[in-house]
C-alpha atoms as a PDB file:
ATOM      1  CA  MET A   1      -0.029  -0.032   0.032  1.00  0.00           C
ATOM      2  CA  LYS A   2       2.942   2.298   0.709  1.00  0.00           C
ATOM      3  CA  LYS A   3       4.252   1.768  -2.680  1.00  0.00           C
ATOM      4  CA  ILE A   4       0.952   2.512  -4.376  1.00  0.00           C
ATOM      5  CA  SER A   5       0.519   5.604  -2.325  1.00  0.00           C
ATOM      6  CA  LEU A   6       4.009   6.882  -3.200  1.00  0.00           C
ATOM      7  CA  ILE A   7       3.444   6.353  -6.904  1.00  0.00           C
ATOM      8  CA  LEU A   8       0.197   8.260  -6.905  1.00  0.00           C
ATOM      9  CA  ILE A   9       1.563  11.156  -4.928  1.00  0.00           C
ATOM     10  CA  PHE A  10       4.695  11.653  -7.275  1.00  0.00           C
ATOM     11  CA  SER A  11       2.449  11.127 -10.294  1.00  0.00           C
ATOM     12  CA  PHE A  12       0.173  13.960  -9.244  1.00  0.00           C
ATOM     13  CA  ILE A  13       3.199  16.211  -8.532  1.00  0.00           C
ATOM     14  CA  CYS A  14       4.833  15.494 -11.930  1.00  0.00           C
ATOM     15  CA  ALA A  15       1.803  15.266 -14.011  1.00  0.00           C
ATOM     16  CA  THR A  16       1.326  19.058 -14.096  1.00  0.00           C
ATOM     17  CA  ARG A  17       4.709  19.741 -15.821  1.00  0.00           C
ATOM     18  CA  LEU A  18       5.578  16.212 -17.354  1.00  0.00           C
ATOM     19  CA  TRP A  19       7.855  16.511 -20.066  1.00  0.00           C
ATOM     20  CA  ALA A  20      12.094  11.355 -22.140  1.00  0.00           C
ATOM     21  CA  ALA A  21      15.042  10.235 -20.505  1.00  0.00           C
ATOM     22  CA  PRO A  22      16.595   6.726 -20.130  1.00  0.00           C
ATOM     23  CA  ALA A  23      14.328   4.739 -17.879  1.00  0.00           C
ATOM     24  CA  TYR A  24      17.187   2.679 -16.376  1.00  0.00           C
ATOM     25  CA  GLY A  25      15.414  -0.626 -16.373  1.00  0.00           C
ATOM     26  CA  THR A  26      14.147  -2.781 -13.587  1.00  0.00           C
ATOM     27  CA  LYS A  27      17.536  -3.598 -11.842  1.00  0.00           C
ATOM     28  CA  MET A  28      17.511  -1.821  -8.572  1.00  0.00           C
ATOM     29  CA  PRO A  29      20.076  -1.578  -5.579  1.00  0.00           C
ATOM     30  CA  GLU A  30      18.872  -3.260  -2.324  1.00  0.00           C
ATOM     31  CA  GLN A  31      18.566  -0.973   0.719  1.00  0.00           C
ATOM     32  CA  ASN A  32      21.824   0.884   1.471  1.00  0.00           C
ATOM     33  CA  GLN A  33      23.495  -0.460  -1.680  1.00  0.00           C
ATOM     34  CA  PHE A  34      24.987   1.439  -4.595  1.00  0.00           C
ATOM     35  CA  PHE A  35      25.069   1.207  -8.377  1.00  0.00           C
ATOM     36  CA  PHE A  36      27.584   3.207 -10.303  1.00  0.00           C
ATOM     37  CA  GLY A  37      27.883   3.515 -14.062  1.00  0.00           C
ATOM     38  CA  GLY A  38      28.674   5.431 -17.216  1.00  0.00           C
ATOM     39  CA  GLN A  39      26.079   6.137 -19.836  1.00  0.00           C
ATOM     40  CA  THR A  40      25.755   7.536 -23.358  1.00  0.00           C
ATOM     41  CA  TYR A  41      22.172   8.855 -24.366  1.00  0.00           C
ATOM     42  CA  VAL A  42      21.547   9.648 -28.035  1.00  0.00           C
ATOM     43  CA  VAL A  43      18.427  11.650 -28.994  1.00  0.00           C
ATOM     44  CA  LEU A  44      17.991  11.228 -32.689  1.00  0.00           C
ATOM     45  CA  GLU A  45      14.796  13.194 -33.022  1.00  0.00           C
ATOM     46  CA  ARG A  46      12.231  14.862 -30.808  1.00  0.00           C
ATOM     47  CA  ASP A  47       9.553  16.865 -32.528  1.00  0.00           C
ATOM     48  CA  LEU A  48       8.738  20.386 -31.095  1.00  0.00           C
ATOM     49  CA  GLU A  49       5.537  22.250 -31.343  1.00  0.00           C
ATOM     50  CA  GLY A  50       4.450  24.319 -34.203  1.00  0.00           C
ATOM     51  CA  VAL A  51       7.122  25.442 -36.722  1.00  0.00           C
ATOM     52  CA  ASN A  52       9.998  24.822 -34.381  1.00  0.00           C
ATOM     53  CA  GLY A  53      11.067  21.644 -36.074  1.00  0.00           C
ATOM     54  CA  ASP A  54      12.965  19.079 -34.069  1.00  0.00           C
ATOM     55  CA  MET A  55      15.652  18.676 -31.490  1.00  0.00           C
ATOM     56  CA  GLU A  56      18.807  16.279 -31.211  1.00  0.00           C
ATOM     57  CA  SER A  57      21.159  15.723 -28.466  1.00  0.00           C
ATOM     58  CA  LEU A  58      24.238  13.565 -27.475  1.00  0.00           C
ATOM     59  CA  GLN A  59      24.826  13.029 -23.759  1.00  0.00           C
ATOM     60  CA  HIS A  60      27.596  11.396 -21.764  1.00  0.00           C
ATOM     61  CA  LEU A  61      26.641  10.955 -18.060  1.00  0.00           C
ATOM     62  CA  PHE A  62      27.935   9.349 -14.741  1.00  0.00           C
ATOM     63  CA  LEU A  63      25.280   7.387 -12.955  1.00  0.00           C
ATOM     64  CA  ILE A  64      24.630   6.721  -9.194  1.00  0.00           C
ATOM     65  CA  SER A  65      21.694   4.745  -7.919  1.00  0.00           C
ATOM     66  CA  TYR A  66      21.113   4.389  -4.135  1.00  0.00           C
ATOM     67  CA  GLY A  67      18.742   1.883  -2.551  1.00  0.00           C
ATOM     68  CA  VAL A  68      16.737   3.965  -0.091  1.00  0.00           C
ATOM     69  CA  LEU A  69      14.631   0.658   0.564  1.00  0.00           C
ATOM     70  CA  ASP A  70      14.560  -2.590  -1.130  1.00  0.00           C
ATOM     71  CA  TRP A  71      11.734  -1.355  -3.304  1.00  0.00           C
ATOM     72  CA  LEU A  72      12.796   2.294  -3.687  1.00  0.00           C
ATOM     73  CA  SER A  73      15.808   3.682  -5.586  1.00  0.00           C
ATOM     74  CA  LEU A  74      17.097   7.256  -5.850  1.00  0.00           C
ATOM     75  CA  ASP A  75      18.785   7.809  -9.197  1.00  0.00           C
ATOM     76  CA  LEU A  76      21.222  10.546  -9.949  1.00  0.00           C
ATOM     77  CA  LYS A  77      23.390  11.452 -12.934  1.00  0.00           C
ATOM     78  CA  GLY A  78      25.905  14.111 -14.162  1.00  0.00           C
ATOM     79  CA  GLY A  79      27.940  14.733 -17.175  1.00  0.00           C
ATOM     80  CA  ALA A  80      27.757  16.848 -20.346  1.00  0.00           C
ATOM     81  CA  GLY A  81      25.705  17.014 -23.623  1.00  0.00           C
ATOM     82  CA  ASP A  82      24.843  19.194 -26.579  1.00  0.00           C
ATOM     83  CA  ILE A  83      21.736  20.358 -28.363  1.00  0.00           C
ATOM     84  CA  HIS A  84      20.973  20.641 -32.076  1.00  0.00           C
ATOM     85  CA  GLN A  85      17.803  22.454 -32.880  1.00  0.00           C
ATOM     86  CA  THR A  86      16.523  22.479 -36.541  1.00  0.00           C
ATOM     87  CA  PRO A  87      13.532  24.648 -37.190  1.00  0.00           C
ATOM     88  CA  SER A  88      11.006  23.792 -39.983  1.00  0.00           C
ATOM     89  CA  GLN A  89      12.344  26.695 -41.994  1.00  0.00           C
ATOM     90  CA  GLY A  90      15.931  27.956 -41.406  1.00  0.00           C
ATOM     91  CA  ASN A  91      19.264  26.684 -40.394  1.00  0.00           C
ATOM     92  CA  GLU A  92      20.188  24.160 -37.610  1.00  0.00           C
ATOM     93  CA  ILE A  93      21.617  25.818 -34.363  1.00  0.00           C
ATOM     94  CA  SER A  94      24.251  23.676 -32.726  1.00  0.00           C
ATOM     95  CA  TYR A  95      25.184  24.234 -29.147  1.00  0.00           C
ATOM     96  CA  PRO A  96      28.513  22.607 -28.189  1.00  0.00           C
ATOM     97  CA  ALA A  97      28.444  20.176 -25.196  1.00  0.00           C
ATOM     98  CA  PHE A  98      28.690  21.396 -21.642  1.00  0.00           C
ATOM     99  CA  VAL A  99      27.168  20.616 -18.324  1.00  0.00           C
ATOM    100  CA  GLY A 100      24.222  18.492 -17.778  1.00  0.00           C
ATOM    101  CA  GLY A 101      22.559  16.360 -15.028  1.00  0.00           C
ATOM    102  CA  GLY A 102      19.430  14.685 -13.747  1.00  0.00           C
ATOM    103  CA  TYR A 103      17.684  12.897 -10.934  1.00  0.00           C
ATOM    104  CA  GLY A 104      14.866  10.568 -10.513  1.00  0.00           C
ATOM    105  CA  PHE A 105      13.565   7.674  -8.502  1.00  0.00           C
ATOM    106  CA  ARG A 106      12.065   4.003  -9.102  1.00  0.00           C
ATOM    107  CA  VAL A 107       9.507   2.150  -7.215  1.00  0.00           C
ATOM    108  CA  LYS A 108       9.408  -1.676  -7.457  1.00  0.00           C
ATOM    109  CA  PHE A 109       5.749  -2.816  -7.081  1.00  0.00           C
ATOM    110  CA  TYR A 110       6.129  -6.419  -8.267  1.00  0.00           C
ATOM    111  CA  ASP A 111       8.820  -8.882  -7.752  1.00  0.00           C
ATOM    112  CA  LYS A 112       8.025 -12.559  -8.123  1.00  0.00           C
ATOM    113  CA  ASP A 113       9.499 -15.619 -10.026  1.00  0.00           C
ATOM    114  CA  LYS A 114      12.205 -13.592 -11.695  1.00  0.00           C
ATOM    115  CA  THR A 115       9.596 -11.112 -13.074  1.00  0.00           C
ATOM    116  CA  LYS A 116       9.585  -7.455 -11.957  1.00  0.00           C
ATOM    117  CA  ALA A 117       7.527  -4.433 -12.487  1.00  0.00           C
ATOM    118  CA  VAL A 118       8.898  -0.766 -11.827  1.00  0.00           C
ATOM    119  CA  PHE A 119       7.335   2.553 -11.821  1.00  0.00           C
ATOM    120  CA  GLY A 120       9.862   5.508 -12.418  1.00  0.00           C
ATOM    121  CA  PHE A 121      10.262   9.229 -12.778  1.00  0.00           C
ATOM    122  CA  GLN A 122      13.236  10.596 -14.633  1.00  0.00           C
ATOM    123  CA  HIS A 123      14.530  14.105 -15.431  1.00  0.00           C
ATOM    124  CA  ILE A 124      17.489  15.390 -17.335  1.00  0.00           C
ATOM    125  CA  SER A 125      18.624  19.052 -17.882  1.00  0.00           C
ATOM    126  CA  ILE A 126      21.367  19.965 -20.472  1.00  0.00           C
ATOM    127  CA  HIS A 127      23.187  23.325 -20.380  1.00  0.00           C
ATOM    128  CA  PRO A 128      25.482  23.487 -23.483  1.00  0.00           C
ATOM    129  CA  TYR A 129      27.636  26.533 -24.332  1.00  0.00           C
ATOM    130  CA  SER A 130      25.959  29.418 -25.913  1.00  0.00           C
ATOM    131  CA  VAL A 131      26.616  30.509 -29.434  1.00  0.00           C
ATOM    132  CA  LYS A 132      26.748  33.808 -31.384  1.00  0.00           C
ATOM    133  CA  ILE A 133      24.247  34.106 -34.285  1.00  0.00           C
ATOM    134  CA  ASN A 134      24.425  37.331 -36.261  1.00  0.00           C
ATOM    135  CA  GLY A 135      26.138  39.049 -33.313  1.00  0.00           C
ATOM    136  CA  ASN A 136      23.400  38.035 -30.885  1.00  0.00           C
ATOM    137  CA  LYS A 137      24.015  35.598 -27.988  1.00  0.00           C
ATOM    138  CA  ASN A 138      21.806  32.357 -28.302  1.00  0.00           C
ATOM    139  CA  LYS A 139      21.617  30.233 -25.279  1.00  0.00           C
ATOM    140  CA  ALA A 140      19.698  26.947 -24.883  1.00  0.00           C
ATOM    141  CA  VAL A 141      18.646  24.514 -22.198  1.00  0.00           C
ATOM    142  CA  LEU A 142      17.053  20.928 -22.931  1.00  0.00           C
ATOM    143  CA  ASP A 143      14.540  20.138 -20.238  1.00  0.00           C
ATOM    144  CA  ASP A 144      13.622  16.356 -20.436  1.00  0.00           C
ATOM    145  CA  TRP A 145      11.046  14.724 -18.121  1.00  0.00           C
ATOM    146  CA  GLN A 146       9.455  11.435 -17.955  1.00  0.00           C
ATOM    147  CA  LEU A 147       7.243   8.831 -16.096  1.00  0.00           C
ATOM    148  CA  SER A 148       7.750   5.090 -17.002  1.00  0.00           C
ATOM    149  CA  PHE A 149       6.194   1.769 -16.158  1.00  0.00           C
ATOM    150  CA  LEU A 150       8.390  -1.181 -16.870  1.00  0.00           C
ATOM    151  CA  ALA A 151       8.174  -5.000 -16.805  1.00  0.00           C
ATOM    152  CA  SER A 152      11.146  -7.457 -17.010  1.00  0.00           C
ATOM    153  CA  HIS A 153      11.822 -11.125 -16.803  1.00  0.00           C
ATOM    154  CA  ASP A 154      15.194 -12.536 -15.769  1.00  0.00           C
ATOM    155  CA  PHE A 155      16.505 -15.315 -18.190  1.00  0.00           C
ATOM    156  CA  ASP A 156      19.831 -15.474 -16.498  1.00  0.00           C
ATOM    157  CA  VAL A 157      21.911 -14.511 -19.591  1.00  0.00           C
ATOM    158  CA  ILE A 158      19.715 -11.576 -20.379  1.00  0.00           C
ATOM    159  CA  THR A 159      16.918  -9.639 -18.727  1.00  0.00           C
ATOM    160  CA  PRO A 160      14.826  -7.873 -21.304  1.00  0.00           C
ATOM    161  CA  TYR A 161      12.267  -5.241 -20.332  1.00  0.00           C
ATOM    162  CA  ILE A 162       9.412  -3.345 -22.115  1.00  0.00           C
ATOM    163  CA  GLY A 163       7.041  -0.678 -21.058  1.00  0.00           C
ATOM    164  CA  GLY A 164       5.352   2.651 -21.678  1.00  0.00           C
ATOM    165  CA  LYS A 165       5.951   6.169 -20.832  1.00  0.00           C
ATOM    166  CA  TRP A 166       4.601   9.647 -20.628  1.00  0.00           C
ATOM    167  CA  SER A 167       7.238  12.262 -21.485  1.00  0.00           C
ATOM    168  CA  ARG A 168       8.065  15.877 -22.534  1.00  0.00           C
ATOM    169  CA  MET A 169      11.344  17.409 -23.779  1.00  0.00           C
ATOM    170  CA  ASP A 170      11.429  21.187 -23.939  1.00  0.00           C
ATOM    171  CA  TYR A 171      13.774  23.489 -25.786  1.00  0.00           C
ATOM    172  CA  ILE A 172      14.342  26.657 -23.740  1.00  0.00           C
ATOM    173  CA  HIS A 173      15.977  29.271 -25.888  1.00  0.00           C
ATOM    174  CA  TRP A 174      17.299  32.851 -25.204  1.00  0.00           C
ATOM    175  CA  VAL A 175      18.322  35.374 -27.590  1.00  0.00           C
ATOM    176  CA  GLU A 176      20.261  37.856 -25.513  1.00  0.00           C
ATOM    177  CA  ASP A 177      17.773  38.382 -22.628  1.00  0.00           C
ATOM    178  CA  ASP A 178      14.618  37.219 -24.467  1.00  0.00           C
ATOM    179  CA  ARG A 179      13.578  33.796 -23.165  1.00  0.00           C
ATOM    180  CA  ASN A 180      11.146  31.454 -24.957  1.00  0.00           C
ATOM    181  CA  ARG A 181      10.197  27.878 -23.890  1.00  0.00           C
ATOM    182  CA  VAL A 182       9.411  25.685 -26.755  1.00  0.00           C
ATOM    183  CA  LYS A 183       7.434  22.615 -25.828  1.00  0.00           C
ATOM    184  CA  SER A 184       7.843  19.201 -27.464  1.00  0.00           C
ATOM    185  CA  ASP A 185       4.821  17.979 -29.692  1.00  0.00           C
ATOM    186  CA  THR A 186       2.198  17.534 -27.108  1.00  0.00           C
ATOM    187  CA  ASP A 187       0.457  14.973 -29.518  1.00  0.00           C
ATOM    188  CA  LYS A 188       3.554  12.693 -29.159  1.00  0.00           C
ATOM    189  CA  SER A 189       3.731  12.402 -25.291  1.00  0.00           C
ATOM    190  CA  ILE A 190       3.075   8.698 -25.166  1.00  0.00           C
ATOM    191  CA  GLY A 191       6.083   6.447 -26.023  1.00  0.00           C
ATOM    192  CA  VAL A 192       7.365   2.858 -25.866  1.00  0.00           C
ATOM    193  CA  VAL A 193      10.495   1.710 -23.943  1.00  0.00           C
ATOM    194  CA  VAL A 194      12.365  -1.529 -24.907  1.00  0.00           C
ATOM    195  CA  GLY A 195      15.653  -2.605 -23.229  1.00  0.00           C
ATOM    196  CA  MET A 196      17.692  -5.159 -21.768  1.00  0.00           C
ATOM    197  CA  ASP A 197      20.317  -5.748 -18.935  1.00  0.00           C
ATOM    198  CA  VAL A 198      23.184  -8.030 -20.006  1.00  0.00           C
ATOM    199  CA  PRO A 199      25.326  -9.462 -17.151  1.00  0.00           C
ATOM    200  CA  VAL A 200      29.032  -9.549 -17.392  1.00  0.00           C
ATOM    201  CA  SER A 201      29.708 -10.784 -13.914  1.00  0.00           C
ATOM    202  CA  GLU A 202      27.756 -10.956 -10.575  1.00  0.00           C
ATOM    203  CA  LYS A 203      28.440  -7.203 -10.164  1.00  0.00           C
ATOM    204  CA  VAL A 204      28.893  -5.822 -13.696  1.00  0.00           C
ATOM    205  CA  TRP A 205      26.361  -5.585 -16.427  1.00  0.00           C
ATOM    206  CA  PHE A 206      25.509  -3.673 -19.585  1.00  0.00           C
ATOM    207  CA  ASN A 207      22.178  -1.842 -20.151  1.00  0.00           C
ATOM    208  CA  LEU A 208      20.688  -1.001 -23.509  1.00  0.00           C
ATOM    209  CA  GLU A 209      17.681   0.806 -24.283  1.00  0.00           C
ATOM    210  CA  GLY A 210      15.556   2.284 -27.063  1.00  0.00           C
ATOM    211  CA  GLN A 211      12.607   4.674 -27.032  1.00  0.00           C
ATOM    212  CA  PHE A 212      10.051   5.045 -29.735  1.00  0.00           C
ATOM    213  CA  VAL A 213       6.825   6.906 -30.741  1.00  0.00           C
ATOM    214  CA  ASP A 214       7.336   9.995 -28.688  1.00  0.00           C
ATOM    215  CA  VAL A 215      10.980  10.219 -29.473  1.00  0.00           C
ATOM    216  CA  GLN A 216      13.633   8.353 -31.292  1.00  0.00           C
ATOM    217  CA  ALA A 217      16.380   7.838 -28.769  1.00  0.00           C
ATOM    218  CA  PHE A 218      18.945   5.117 -27.620  1.00  0.00           C
ATOM    219  CA  SER A 219      21.145   4.600 -24.557  1.00  0.00           C
ATOM    220  CA  GLY A 220      23.719   2.408 -23.518  1.00  0.00           C
ATOM    221  CA  SER A 221      25.673   2.052 -20.091  1.00  0.00           C
ATOM    222  CA  VAL A 222      28.147  -0.031 -18.121  1.00  0.00           C
ATOM    223  CA  ASN A 223      27.189  -0.588 -14.465  1.00  0.00           C
ATOM    224  CA  PHE A 224      28.854  -1.701 -11.321  1.00  0.00           C
ATOM    225  CA  HIS A 225      27.268  -2.942  -8.096  1.00  0.00           C
ATOM    226  CA  PHE A 226      28.994  -1.930  -4.724  1.00  0.00           C
END
């Protein structure tokens, strides 16, 4: 009952501003345990509203997950990423990679006979270097938010998972001091997540994940259990 209540509370808080980010999968640290890793996240295309075209991003992030409880994980990440925004008409704006980070949590609400189900909330914010266009300073932030529901089954040599998500990825853009938040296409907020965990040893594994429908994105990471 506590798990269900926590999911409902956070869903209500986040739903008012839900914006995709890697969903991490269903492998979670036990209470007071840590997972560490390194991840690359590639956003191939995310459509923006109106005539604002689409956005791309390449991100490299360090991962830390902490088991608050056996069924509750706190997920943090930090690193760097870039932004490429292409309007429907006009030239692409490329912002070179700089600092980025994110946070989230996962709640495991089913775990039986090697089958797991997990609810998660994830957020990433990317702050690349600004660029000069026609003498004007252009600054951008990628604001990426997601709720996800995933289910997996452990086949020992591989643990595939699949699920659904509700996401939004906004492009916040400044020309000098004039700020504008461009939302991702709100007709494409529901997406599909497909991924797998592949063990290398008892405490090392790879994670591979693809996201479709709302966004075209892929991620890969190597992870360590301490």
